[in-house]
Protein backbone atom coordinates (compact mmCIF):
# COMPACT_ATOMS: atom_id res chain seq x y z
CA UNK A 1 0.00 0.00 0.00
CA UNK A 2 1.28 3.45 -0.82
CA UNK A 3 0.05 6.91 0.02
CA UNK A 4 -1.58 8.75 -2.88
CA UNK A 5 -0.25 12.09 -1.64
CA UNK A 6 3.45 11.14 -1.57
CA UNK A 7 3.79 7.79 -3.38
CA UNK A 8 5.59 6.38 -0.34
CA UNK A 9 4.97 2.67 0.31
CA UNK A 10 3.77 2.41 3.92
CA UNK A 11 2.71 -1.24 4.31
CA UNK A 12 3.30 -4.70 2.82
CA UNK A 13 1.87 -8.16 3.58
CA UNK A 14 3.16 -11.60 2.61
CA UNK A 15 1.87 -15.19 2.53
CA UNK A 16 5.43 -16.54 2.59
CA UNK A 17 5.59 -19.88 4.43
CA UNK A 18 1.81 -20.23 4.81
CA UNK A 19 -0.34 -22.92 3.18
CA UNK A 20 -3.13 -21.79 0.83
CA UNK A 21 -5.77 -20.57 1.28
CA UNK A 22 -4.59 -17.85 3.62
CA UNK A 23 -5.62 -14.36 4.63
CA UNK A 24 -2.93 -11.81 5.39
CA UNK A 25 -3.17 -8.33 6.76
CA UNK A 26 -0.63 -5.57 6.58
CA UNK A 27 -1.63 -3.00 9.14
CA UNK A 28 -0.65 0.62 9.46
CA UNK A 29 -2.36 3.34 11.47
CA UNK A 30 -3.47 5.93 8.94
CA UNK A 31 -5.96 8.72 9.35
CA UNK A 32 -9.47 7.71 8.25
CA UNK A 33 -10.21 8.91 4.73
CA UNK A 34 -6.54 8.79 3.66
CA UNK A 35 -6.26 8.09 -0.07
CA UNK A 36 -4.08 5.07 -0.87
CA UNK A 37 -3.10 2.84 -3.77
CA UNK A 38 -2.75 -0.94 -3.49
CA UNK A 39 -1.71 -3.84 -5.74
CA UNK A 40 -1.09 -7.56 -5.65
CA UNK A 41 2.17 -9.24 -6.65
CA UNK A 42 3.16 -12.89 -7.17
CA UNK A 43 6.64 -13.87 -5.97
CA UNK A 44 8.00 -17.41 -5.71
CA UNK A 45 11.45 -18.46 -4.55
CA UNK A 46 12.53 -14.82 -4.49
CA UNK A 47 11.55 -14.24 -8.14
CA UNK A 48 8.87 -11.68 -8.97
CA UNK A 49 6.37 -13.13 -11.47
CA UNK A 50 4.42 -9.90 -11.89
CA UNK A 51 2.17 -7.38 -10.20
CA UNK A 52 -1.24 -5.90 -10.90
CA UNK A 53 -1.61 -2.21 -11.66
CA UNK A 54 -1.97 0.13 -8.69
CA UNK A 55 -5.63 0.58 -7.68
CA UNK A 56 -7.02 3.58 -5.77
CA UNK A 57 -8.76 3.26 -2.42
CA UNK A 58 -9.42 4.98 0.90
CA UNK A 59 -8.60 3.89 4.44
C-alpha atoms as a PDB file:
ATOM      1  CA  UNK A   1       0.000   0.000   0.000  1.00  0.00           C
ATOM      2  CA  UNK A   2       1.281   3.447  -0.821  1.00  0.00           C
ATOM      3  CA  UNK A   3       0.047   6.912   0.017  1.00  0.00           C
ATOM      4  CA  UNK A   4      -1.582   8.749  -2.876  1.00  0.00           C
ATOM      5  CA  UNK A   5      -0.250  12.093  -1.641  1.00  0.00           C
ATOM      6  CA  UNK A   6       3.451  11.137  -1.566  1.00  0.00           C
ATOM      7  CA  UNK A   7       3.790   7.794  -3.382  1.00  0.00           C
ATOM      8  CA  UNK A   8       5.594   6.380  -0.339  1.00  0.00           C
ATOM      9  CA  UNK A   9       4.970   2.668   0.308  1.00  0.00           C
ATOM     10  CA  UNK A  10       3.774   2.406   3.921  1.00  0.00           C
ATOM     11  CA  UNK A  11       2.714  -1.244   4.306  1.00  0.00           C
ATOM     12  CA  UNK A  12       3.297  -4.700   2.817  1.00  0.00           C
ATOM     13  CA  UNK A  13       1.875  -8.162   3.582  1.00  0.00           C
ATOM     14  CA  UNK A  14       3.161 -11.599   2.608  1.00  0.00           C
ATOM     15  CA  UNK A  15       1.870 -15.195   2.531  1.00  0.00           C
ATOM     16  CA  UNK A  16       5.430 -16.543   2.593  1.00  0.00           C
ATOM     17  CA  UNK A  17       5.593 -19.879   4.430  1.00  0.00           C
ATOM     18  CA  UNK A  18       1.811 -20.232   4.808  1.00  0.00           C
ATOM     19  CA  UNK A  19      -0.345 -22.921   3.181  1.00  0.00           C
ATOM     20  CA  UNK A  20      -3.133 -21.794   0.828  1.00  0.00           C
ATOM     21  CA  UNK A  21      -5.768 -20.569   1.276  1.00  0.00           C
ATOM     22  CA  UNK A  22      -4.585 -17.850   3.620  1.00  0.00           C
ATOM     23  CA  UNK A  23      -5.623 -14.356   4.627  1.00  0.00           C
ATOM     24  CA  UNK A  24      -2.927 -11.810   5.391  1.00  0.00           C
ATOM     25  CA  UNK A  25      -3.169  -8.330   6.758  1.00  0.00           C
ATOM     26  CA  UNK A  26      -0.630  -5.572   6.579  1.00  0.00           C
ATOM     27  CA  UNK A  27      -1.626  -3.004   9.141  1.00  0.00           C
ATOM     28  CA  UNK A  28      -0.648   0.622   9.457  1.00  0.00           C
ATOM     29  CA  UNK A  29      -2.363   3.336  11.473  1.00  0.00           C
ATOM     30  CA  UNK A  30      -3.467   5.927   8.940  1.00  0.00           C
ATOM     31  CA  UNK A  31      -5.965   8.718   9.349  1.00  0.00           C
ATOM     32  CA  UNK A  32      -9.473   7.707   8.254  1.00  0.00           C
ATOM     33  CA  UNK A  33     -10.215   8.911   4.725  1.00  0.00           C
ATOM     34  CA  UNK A  34      -6.544   8.788   3.660  1.00  0.00           C
ATOM     35  CA  UNK A  35      -6.265   8.093  -0.071  1.00  0.00           C
ATOM     36  CA  UNK A  36      -4.083   5.073  -0.874  1.00  0.00           C
ATOM     37  CA  UNK A  37      -3.105   2.837  -3.773  1.00  0.00           C
ATOM     38  CA  UNK A  38      -2.748  -0.939  -3.488  1.00  0.00           C
ATOM     39  CA  UNK A  39      -1.711  -3.837  -5.736  1.00  0.00           C
ATOM     40  CA  UNK A  40      -1.087  -7.564  -5.646  1.00  0.00           C
ATOM     41  CA  UNK A  41       2.174  -9.236  -6.653  1.00  0.00           C
ATOM     42  CA  UNK A  42       3.165 -12.886  -7.168  1.00  0.00           C
ATOM     43  CA  UNK A  43       6.635 -13.869  -5.967  1.00  0.00           C
ATOM     44  CA  UNK A  44       7.999 -17.414  -5.708  1.00  0.00           C
ATOM     45  CA  UNK A  45      11.451 -18.465  -4.548  1.00  0.00           C
ATOM     46  CA  UNK A  46      12.527 -14.823  -4.492  1.00  0.00           C
ATOM     47  CA  UNK A  47      11.551 -14.242  -8.137  1.00  0.00           C
ATOM     48  CA  UNK A  48       8.866 -11.677  -8.965  1.00  0.00           C
ATOM     49  CA  UNK A  49       6.371 -13.130 -11.470  1.00  0.00           C
ATOM     50  CA  UNK A  50       4.423  -9.895 -11.894  1.00  0.00           C
ATOM     51  CA  UNK A  51       2.172  -7.377 -10.204  1.00  0.00           C
ATOM     52  CA  UNK A  52      -1.235  -5.903 -10.903  1.00  0.00           C
ATOM     53  CA  UNK A  53      -1.606  -2.211 -11.657  1.00  0.00           C
ATOM     54  CA  UNK A  54      -1.967   0.128  -8.694  1.00  0.00           C
ATOM     55  CA  UNK A  55      -5.628   0.579  -7.680  1.00  0.00           C
ATOM     56  CA  UNK A  56      -7.019   3.583  -5.766  1.00  0.00           C
ATOM     57  CA  UNK A  57      -8.759   3.263  -2.421  1.00  0.00           C
ATOM     58  CA  UNK A  58      -9.417   4.980   0.896  1.00  0.00           C
ATOM     59  CA  UNK A  59      -8.597   3.895   4.439  1.00  0.00           C
END
